[in-house]
Amino acid sequence: MTTTQELTGKVRELIGQMSPLGETEASSQQRLIEDLGYDSVSFLELALAIESEFDIFAVDEEQAANLVTVGDIETLVVTLSDAG
């Protein structure tokens, strides 16, 4: 079983690897758009990668609209992983 710490670490790693500004070490406080350079297309690519990597169901539009920071995505992945 994967721990919360392991999950959040994997989320940060994936987000950092896929950053449109170039591979970086992402932190929970970083903002996806302002700090890491994500736009609508790269965000969609990230969402698909997260769904595939963590074997979770598609995130609905309301949830996606509330994802501003890396930490927001970490929380969502942990929540959806626990629900699954």
PDB file of N, CA and C in Angstrom:
ATOM      1  N   MET A   1       0.846  -1.186   0.000  1.00  0.00           N
ATOM      2  CA  MET A   1       0.000   0.000   0.000  1.00  0.00           C
ATOM      3  C   MET A   1       0.887   1.245   0.000  1.00  0.00           C
ATOM      4  N   THR A   2       0.523   2.214  -0.790  1.00  0.00           N
ATOM      5  CA  THR A   2       1.285   3.447  -0.909  1.00  0.00           C
ATOM      6  C   THR A   2       0.857   4.433   0.177  1.00  0.00           C
ATOM      7  N   THR A   3       1.839   5.040   0.826  1.00  0.00           N
ATOM      8  CA  THR A   3       1.529   6.014   1.869  1.00  0.00           C
ATOM      9  C   THR A   3       1.205   7.367   1.243  1.00  0.00           C
ATOM     10  N   THR A   4       0.586   8.232   2.038  1.00  0.00           N
ATOM     11  CA  THR A   4       0.267   9.579   1.577  1.00  0.00           C
ATOM     12  C   THR A   4       1.536  10.317   1.170  1.00  0.00           C
ATOM     13  N   GLN A   5       2.587  10.171   1.950  1.00  0.00           N
ATOM     14  CA  GLN A   5       3.849  10.848   1.646  1.00  0.00           C
ATOM     15  C   GLN A   5       4.422  10.370   0.309  1.00  0.00           C
ATOM     16  N   GLU A   6       4.335   9.079   0.044  1.00  0.00           N
ATOM     17  CA  GLU A   6       4.822   8.539  -1.227  1.00  0.00           C
ATOM     18  C   GLU A   6       3.990   9.065  -2.388  1.00  0.00           C
ATOM     19  N   LEU A   7       2.669   9.102  -2.199  1.00  0.00           N
ATOM     20  CA  LEU A   7       1.782   9.612  -3.245  1.00  0.00           C
ATOM     21  C   LEU A   7       2.083  11.067  -3.570  1.00  0.00           C
ATOM     22  N   THR A   8       2.171  11.900  -2.544  1.00  0.00           N
ATOM     23  CA  THR A   8       2.402  13.321  -2.785  1.00  0.00           C
ATOM     24  C   THR A   8       3.776  13.547  -3.416  1.00  0.00           C
ATOM     25  N   GLY A   9       4.748  12.752  -3.041  1.00  0.00           N
ATOM     26  CA  GLY A   9       6.064  12.857  -3.663  1.00  0.00           C
ATOM     27  C   GLY A   9       6.018  12.516  -5.138  1.00  0.00           C
ATOM     28  N   LYS A  10       5.273  11.476  -5.487  1.00  0.00           N
ATOM     29  CA  LYS A  10       5.132  11.089  -6.891  1.00  0.00           C
ATOM     30  C   LYS A  10       4.380  12.159  -7.681  1.00  0.00           C
ATOM     31  N   VAL A  11       3.372  12.769  -7.064  1.00  0.00           N
ATOM     32  CA  VAL A  11       2.624  13.845  -7.722  1.00  0.00           C
ATOM     33  C   VAL A  11       3.559  15.011  -8.024  1.00  0.00           C
ATOM     34  N   ARG A  12       4.324  15.442  -7.031  1.00  0.00           N
ATOM     35  CA  ARG A  12       5.266  16.560  -7.224  1.00  0.00           C
ATOM     36  C   ARG A  12       6.285  16.232  -8.314  1.00  0.00           C
ATOM     37  N   GLU A  13       6.777  15.000  -8.299  1.00  0.00           N
ATOM     38  CA  GLU A  13       7.759  14.590  -9.300  1.00  0.00           C
ATOM     39  C   GLU A  13       7.175  14.667 -10.710  1.00  0.00           C
ATOM     40  N   LEU A  14       5.972  14.141 -10.892  1.00  0.00           N
ATOM     41  CA  LEU A  14       5.319  14.154 -12.201  1.00  0.00           C
ATOM     42  C   LEU A  14       5.046  15.581 -12.667  1.00  0.00           C
ATOM     43  N   ILE A  15       4.535  16.420 -11.784  1.00  0.00           N
ATOM     44  CA  ILE A  15       4.244  17.806 -12.133  1.00  0.00           C
ATOM     45  C   ILE A  15       5.533  18.533 -12.519  1.00  0.00           C
ATOM     46  N   GLY A  16       6.606  18.310 -11.767  1.00  0.00           N
ATOM     47  CA  GLY A  16       7.885  18.933 -12.075  1.00  0.00           C
ATOM     48  C   GLY A  16       8.457  18.466 -13.399  1.00  0.00           C
ATOM     49  N   GLN A  17       8.329  17.185 -13.691  1.00  0.00           N
ATOM     50  CA  GLN A  17       8.835  16.632 -14.947  1.00  0.00           C
ATOM     51  C   GLN A  17       8.091  17.201 -16.151  1.00  0.00           C
ATOM     52  N   MET A  18       6.797  17.460 -15.989  1.00  0.00           N
ATOM     53  CA  MET A  18       5.969  17.903 -17.109  1.00  0.00           C
ATOM     54  C   MET A  18       5.839  19.424 -17.211  1.00  0.00           C
ATOM     55  N   SER A  19       6.498  20.157 -16.352  1.00  0.00           N
ATOM     56  CA  SER A  19       6.390  21.614 -16.365  1.00  0.00           C
ATOM     57  C   SER A  19       6.777  22.174 -17.730  1.00  0.00           C
ATOM     58  N   PRO A  20       5.912  23.009 -18.313  1.00  0.00           N
ATOM     59  CA  PRO A  20       6.217  23.621 -19.603  1.00  0.00           C
ATOM     60  C   PRO A  20       7.462  24.515 -19.572  1.00  0.00           C
ATOM     61  N   LEU A  21       7.889  24.937 -18.407  1.00  0.00           N
ATOM     62  CA  LEU A  21       9.078  25.786 -18.292  1.00  0.00           C
ATOM     63  C   LEU A  21      10.360  24.970 -18.221  1.00  0.00           C
ATOM     64  N   GLY A  22      10.230  23.656 -18.289  1.00  0.00           N
ATOM     65  CA  GLY A  22      11.380  22.768 -18.185  1.00  0.00           C
ATOM     66  C   GLY A  22      11.318  22.002 -16.882  1.00  0.00           C
ATOM     67  N   GLU A  23      11.938  20.849 -16.889  1.00  0.00           N
ATOM     68  CA  GLU A  23      11.887  19.980 -15.709  1.00  0.00           C
ATOM     69  C   GLU A  23      12.425  20.709 -14.483  1.00  0.00           C
ATOM     70  N   THR A  24      11.689  20.580 -13.396  1.00  0.00           N
ATOM     71  CA  THR A  24      12.039  21.269 -12.160  1.00  0.00           C
ATOM     72  C   THR A  24      11.607  20.434 -10.968  1.00  0.00           C
ATOM     73  N   GLU A  25      12.064  20.794  -9.799  1.00  0.00           N
ATOM     74  CA  GLU A  25      11.620  20.141  -8.574  1.00  0.00           C
ATOM     75  C   GLU A  25      10.441  20.946  -8.032  1.00  0.00           C
ATOM     76  N   ALA A  26       9.241  20.420  -8.167  1.00  0.00           N
ATOM     77  CA  ALA A  26       8.034  21.135  -7.760  1.00  0.00           C
ATOM     78  C   ALA A  26       7.818  21.026  -6.254  1.00  0.00           C
ATOM     79  N   SER A  27       7.274  22.099  -5.677  1.00  0.00           N
ATOM     80  CA  SER A  27       6.910  22.090  -4.263  1.00  0.00           C
ATOM     81  C   SER A  27       5.403  22.273  -4.136  1.00  0.00           C
ATOM     82  N   SER A  28       4.870  21.894  -3.000  1.00  0.00           N
ATOM     83  CA  SER A  28       3.421  21.950  -2.779  1.00  0.00           C
ATOM     84  C   SER A  28       2.852  23.355  -2.907  1.00  0.00           C
ATOM     85  N   GLN A  29       3.641  24.366  -2.610  1.00  0.00           N
ATOM     86  CA  GLN A  29       3.152  25.744  -2.615  1.00  0.00           C
ATOM     87  C   GLN A  29       3.152  26.378  -4.006  1.00  0.00           C
ATOM     88  N   GLN A  30       3.836  25.779  -4.961  1.00  0.00           N
ATOM     89  CA  GLN A  30       3.930  26.392  -6.281  1.00  0.00           C
ATOM     90  C   GLN A  30       2.587  26.395  -6.994  1.00  0.00           C
ATOM     91  N   ARG A  31       2.338  27.498  -7.700  1.00  0.00           N
ATOM     92  CA  ARG A  31       1.121  27.626  -8.502  1.00  0.00           C
ATOM     93  C   ARG A  31       1.384  27.056  -9.889  1.00  0.00           C
ATOM     94  N   LEU A  32       0.414  26.329 -10.385  1.00  0.00           N
ATOM     95  CA  LEU A  32       0.583  25.636 -11.659  1.00  0.00           C
ATOM     96  C   LEU A  32       0.804  26.594 -12.817  1.00  0.00           C
ATOM     97  N   ILE A  33       0.017  27.646 -12.897  1.00  0.00           N
ATOM     98  CA  ILE A  33       0.100  28.577 -14.025  1.00  0.00           C
ATOM     99  C   ILE A  33       1.238  29.575 -13.820  1.00  0.00           C
ATOM    100  N   GLU A  34       1.197  30.294 -12.730  1.00  0.00           N
ATOM    101  CA  GLU A  34       2.138  31.384 -12.507  1.00  0.00           C
ATOM    102  C   GLU A  34       3.572  30.917 -12.268  1.00  0.00           C
ATOM    103  N   ASP A  35       3.755  29.845 -11.521  1.00  0.00           N
ATOM    104  CA  ASP A  35       5.105  29.410 -11.146  1.00  0.00           C
ATOM    105  C   ASP A  35       5.679  28.339 -12.066  1.00  0.00           C
ATOM    106  N   LEU A  36       4.821  27.458 -12.581  1.00  0.00           N
ATOM    107  CA  LEU A  36       5.307  26.320 -13.364  1.00  0.00           C
ATOM    108  C   LEU A  36       4.977  26.410 -14.847  1.00  0.00           C
ATOM    109  N   GLY A  37       4.223  27.436 -15.256  1.00  0.00           N
ATOM    110  CA  GLY A  37       3.985  27.686 -16.672  1.00  0.00           C
ATOM    111  C   GLY A  37       2.922  26.838 -17.347  1.00  0.00           C
ATOM    112  N   TYR A  38       2.078  26.181 -16.572  1.00  0.00           N
ATOM    113  CA  TYR A  38       1.035  25.364 -17.183  1.00  0.00           C
ATOM    114  C   TYR A  38      -0.014  26.248 -17.858  1.00  0.00           C
ATOM    115  N   ASP A  39      -0.500  25.784 -19.020  1.00  0.00           N
ATOM    116  CA  ASP A  39      -1.623  26.419 -19.705  1.00  0.00           C
ATOM    117  C   ASP A  39      -2.690  25.340 -19.889  1.00  0.00           C
ATOM    118  N   SER A  40      -3.748  25.652 -20.615  1.00  0.00           N
ATOM    119  CA  SER A  40      -4.864  24.702 -20.711  1.00  0.00           C
ATOM    120  C   SER A  40      -4.449  23.382 -21.355  1.00  0.00           C
ATOM    121  N   VAL A  41      -3.610  23.429 -22.362  1.00  0.00           N
ATOM    122  CA  VAL A  41      -3.192  22.204 -23.040  1.00  0.00           C
ATOM    123  C   VAL A  41      -2.266  21.380 -22.143  1.00  0.00           C
ATOM    124  N   SER A  42      -1.272  22.021 -21.555  1.00  0.00           N
ATOM    125  CA  SER A  42      -0.338  21.280 -20.697  1.00  0.00           C
ATOM    126  C   SER A  42      -1.040  20.773 -19.440  1.00  0.00           C
ATOM    127  N   PHE A  43      -2.046  21.524 -18.955  1.00  0.00           N
ATOM    128  CA  PHE A  43      -2.811  21.071 -17.795  1.00  0.00           C
ATOM    129  C   PHE A  43      -3.602  19.808 -18.145  1.00  0.00           C
ATOM    130  N   LEU A  44      -4.185  19.773 -19.341  1.00  0.00           N
ATOM    131  CA  LEU A  44      -4.919  18.590 -19.789  1.00  0.00           C
ATOM    132  C   LEU A  44      -3.976  17.396 -19.915  1.00  0.00           C
ATOM    133  N   GLU A  45      -2.790  17.623 -20.466  1.00  0.00           N
ATOM    134  CA  GLU A  45      -1.800  16.548 -20.566  1.00  0.00           C
ATOM    135  C   GLU A  45      -1.422  16.037 -19.180  1.00  0.00           C
ATOM    136  N   LEU A  46      -1.260  16.961 -18.238  1.00  0.00           N
ATOM    137  CA  LEU A  46      -0.937  16.583 -16.860  1.00  0.00           C
ATOM    138  C   LEU A  46      -2.071  15.762 -16.249  1.00  0.00           C
ATOM    139  N   ALA A  47      -3.302  16.198 -16.458  1.00  0.00           N
ATOM    140  CA  ALA A  47      -4.459  15.475 -15.915  1.00  0.00           C
ATOM    141  C   ALA A  47      -4.499  14.042 -16.439  1.00  0.00           C
ATOM    142  N   LEU A  48      -4.252  13.867 -17.723  1.00  0.00           N
ATOM    143  CA  LEU A  48      -4.260  12.525 -18.310  1.00  0.00           C
ATOM    144  C   LEU A  48      -3.127  11.672 -17.746  1.00  0.00           C
ATOM    145  N   ALA A  49      -1.965  12.285 -17.560  1.00  0.00           N
ATOM    146  CA  ALA A  49      -0.829  11.552 -16.991  1.00  0.00           C
ATOM    147  C   ALA A  49      -1.112  11.135 -15.550  1.00  0.00           C
ATOM    148  N   ILE A  50      -1.737  12.018 -14.783  1.00  0.00           N
ATOM    149  CA  ILE A  50      -2.073  11.707 -13.391  1.00  0.00           C
ATOM    150  C   ILE A  50      -3.101  10.581 -13.328  1.00  0.00           C
ATOM    151  N   GLU A  51      -4.111  10.652 -14.179  1.00  0.00           N
ATOM    152  CA  GLU A  51      -5.121   9.595 -14.213  1.00  0.00           C
ATOM    153  C   GLU A  51      -4.472   8.247 -14.522  1.00  0.00           C
ATOM    154  N   SER A  52      -3.553   8.241 -15.470  1.00  0.00           N
ATOM    155  CA  SER A  52      -2.881   7.011 -15.862  1.00  0.00           C
ATOM    156  C   SER A  52      -1.919   6.524 -14.769  1.00  0.00           C
ATOM    157  N   GLU A  53      -1.109   7.414 -14.256  1.00  0.00           N
ATOM    158  CA  GLU A  53      -0.086   7.060 -13.258  1.00  0.00           C
ATOM    159  C   GLU A  53      -0.693   6.532 -11.965  1.00  0.00           C
ATOM    160  N   PHE A  54      -1.782   7.167 -11.524  1.00  0.00           N
ATOM    161  CA  PHE A  54      -2.346   6.821 -10.218  1.00  0.00           C
ATOM    162  C   PHE A  54      -3.621   5.996 -10.317  1.00  0.00           C
ATOM    163  N   ASP A  55      -3.982   5.619 -11.550  1.00  0.00           N
ATOM    164  CA  ASP A  55      -5.147   4.766 -11.780  1.00  0.00           C
ATOM    165  C   ASP A  55      -6.392   5.322 -11.081  1.00  0.00           C
ATOM    166  N   ILE A  56      -6.664   6.595 -11.351  1.00  0.00           N
ATOM    167  CA  ILE A  56      -7.852   7.234 -10.781  1.00  0.00           C
ATOM    168  C   ILE A  56      -8.786   7.644 -11.901  1.00  0.00           C
ATOM    169  N   PHE A  57     -10.034   7.850 -11.550  1.00  0.00           N
ATOM    170  CA  PHE A  57     -11.027   8.242 -12.528  1.00  0.00           C
ATOM    171  C   PHE A  57     -10.860   9.698 -12.916  1.00  0.00           C
ATOM    172  N   ALA A  58     -11.457  10.059 -14.022  1.00  0.00           N
ATOM    173  CA  ALA A  58     -11.373  11.427 -14.532  1.00  0.00           C
ATOM    174  C   ALA A  58     -11.840  12.436 -13.486  1.00  0.00           C
ATOM    175  N   VAL A  59     -11.145  13.536 -13.449  1.00  0.00           N
ATOM    176  CA  VAL A  59     -11.484  14.635 -12.551  1.00  0.00           C
ATOM    177  C   VAL A  59     -12.562  15.466 -13.228  1.00  0.00           C
ATOM    178  N   ASP A  60     -13.625  15.801 -12.491  1.00  0.00           N
ATOM    179  CA  ASP A  60     -14.678  16.590 -13.118  1.00  0.00           C
ATOM    180  C   ASP A  60     -14.276  18.064 -13.206  1.00  0.00           C
ATOM    181  N   GLU A  61     -15.016  18.823 -13.997  1.00  0.00           N
ATOM    182  CA  GLU A  61     -14.677  20.228 -14.255  1.00  0.00           C
ATOM    183  C   GLU A  61     -14.652  21.076 -12.994  1.00  0.00           C
ATOM    184  N   GLU A  62     -15.572  20.820 -12.075  1.00  0.00           N
ATOM    185  CA  GLU A  62     -15.619  21.599 -10.833  1.00  0.00           C
ATOM    186  C   GLU A  62     -14.351  21.378 -10.004  1.00  0.00           C
ATOM    187  N   GLN A  63     -13.920  20.116  -9.910  1.00  0.00           N
ATOM    188  CA  GLN A  63     -12.691  19.821  -9.180  1.00  0.00           C
ATOM    189  C   GLN A  63     -11.492  20.467  -9.874  1.00  0.00           C
ATOM    190  N   ALA A  64     -11.432  20.358 -11.188  1.00  0.00           N
ATOM    191  CA  ALA A  64     -10.307  20.898 -11.947  1.00  0.00           C
ATOM    192  C   ALA A  64     -10.203  22.412 -11.803  1.00  0.00           C
ATOM    193  N   ALA A  65     -11.339  23.089 -11.732  1.00  0.00           N
ATOM    194  CA  ALA A  65     -11.344  24.551 -11.617  1.00  0.00           C
ATOM    195  C   ALA A  65     -10.726  25.011 -10.298  1.00  0.00           C
ATOM    196  N   ASN A  66     -10.712  24.143  -9.294  1.00  0.00           N
ATOM    197  CA  ASN A  66     -10.178  24.494  -7.976  1.00  0.00           C
ATOM    198  C   ASN A  66      -8.709  24.116  -7.797  1.00  0.00           C
ATOM    199  N   LEU A  67      -8.079  23.603  -8.846  1.00  0.00           N
ATOM    200  CA  LEU A  67      -6.683  23.188  -8.754  1.00  0.00           C
ATOM    201  C   LEU A  67      -5.784  24.355  -9.146  1.00  0.00           C
ATOM    202  N   VAL A  68      -5.196  24.982  -8.147  1.00  0.00           N
ATOM    203  CA  VAL A  68      -4.355  26.158  -8.370  1.00  0.00           C
ATOM    204  C   VAL A  68      -2.889  25.841  -8.079  1.00  0.00           C
ATOM    205  N   THR A  69      -2.656  25.075  -7.029  1.00  0.00           N
ATOM    206  CA  THR A  69      -1.284  24.771  -6.625  1.00  0.00           C
ATOM    207  C   THR A  69      -0.981  23.280  -6.764  1.00  0.00           C
ATOM    208  N   VAL A  70       0.289  22.968  -6.679  1.00  0.00           N
ATOM    209  CA  VAL A  70       0.721  21.572  -6.672  1.00  0.00           C
ATOM    210  C   VAL A  70       0.061  20.852  -5.496  1.00  0.00           C
ATOM    211  N   GLY A  71      -0.026  21.519  -4.354  1.00  0.00           N
ATOM    212  CA  GLY A  71      -0.656  20.933  -3.170  1.00  0.00           C
ATOM    213  C   GLY A  71      -2.115  20.585  -3.391  1.00  0.00           C
ATOM    214  N   ASP A  72      -2.816  21.397  -4.189  1.00  0.00           N
ATOM    215  CA  ASP A  72      -4.214  21.091  -4.508  1.00  0.00           C
ATOM    216  C   ASP A  72      -4.311  19.759  -5.252  1.00  0.00           C
ATOM    217  N   ILE A  73      -3.392  19.528  -6.170  1.00  0.00           N
ATOM    218  CA  ILE A  73      -3.394  18.272  -6.921  1.00  0.00           C
ATOM    219  C   ILE A  73      -3.005  17.114  -6.008  1.00  0.00           C
ATOM    220  N   GLU A  74      -2.044  17.339  -5.137  1.00  0.00           N
ATOM    221  CA  GLU A  74      -1.660  16.299  -4.175  1.00  0.00           C
ATOM    222  C   GLU A  74      -2.871  15.861  -3.353  1.00  0.00           C
ATOM    223  N   THR A  75      -3.608  16.825  -2.833  1.00  0.00           N
ATOM    224  CA  THR A  75      -4.792  16.531  -2.007  1.00  0.00           C
ATOM    225  C   THR A  75      -5.831  15.758  -2.804  1.00  0.00           C
ATOM    226  N   LEU A  76      -6.067  16.181  -4.039  1.00  0.00           N
ATOM    227  CA  LEU A  76      -7.049  15.508  -4.876  1.00  0.00           C
ATOM    228  C   LEU A  76      -6.642  14.064  -5.160  1.00  0.00           C
ATOM    229  N   VAL A  77      -5.390  13.837  -5.502  1.00  0.00           N
ATOM    230  CA  VAL A  77      -4.914  12.477  -5.799  1.00  0.00           C
ATOM    231  C   VAL A  77      -5.035  11.585  -4.557  1.00  0.00           C
ATOM    232  N   VAL A  78      -4.637  12.107  -3.413  1.00  0.00           N
ATOM    233  CA  VAL A  78      -4.745  11.320  -2.178  1.00  0.00           C
ATOM    234  C   VAL A  78      -6.205  10.985  -1.898  1.00  0.00           C
ATOM    235  N   THR A  79      -7.081  11.963  -2.044  1.00  0.00           N
ATOM    236  CA  THR A  79      -8.518  11.754  -1.803  1.00  0.00           C
ATOM    237  C   THR A  79      -9.091  10.716  -2.760  1.00  0.00           C
ATOM    238  N   LEU A  80      -8.793  10.856  -4.056  1.00  0.00           N
ATOM    239  CA  LEU A  80      -9.332   9.920  -5.042  1.00  0.00           C
ATOM    240  C   LEU A  80      -8.716   8.531  -4.909  1.00  0.00           C
ATOM    241  N   SER A  81      -7.467   8.462  -4.490  1.00  0.00           N
ATOM    242  CA  SER A  81      -6.820   7.167  -4.279  1.00  0.00           C
ATOM    243  C   SER A  81      -7.432   6.435  -3.095  1.00  0.00           C
ATOM    244  N   ASP A  82      -7.745   7.172  -2.030  1.00  0.00           N
ATOM    245  CA  ASP A  82      -8.382   6.569  -0.868  1.00  0.00           C
ATOM    246  C   ASP A  82      -9.796   6.111  -1.176  1.00  0.00           C
ATOM    247  N   ALA A  83     -10.477   6.852  -2.065  1.00  0.00           N
ATOM    248  CA  ALA A  83     -11.857   6.520  -2.410  1.00  0.00           C
ATOM    249  C   ALA A  83     -11.932   5.293  -3.296  1.00  0.00           C
ATOM    250  N   GLY A  84     -10.830   5.016  -4.025  1.00  0.00           N
ATOM    251  CA  GLY A  84     -10.838   3.943  -5.000  1.00  0.00           C
ATOM    252  C   GLY A  84     -10.629   2.614  -4.456  1.00  0.00           C
TER     253      GLY A  84
END
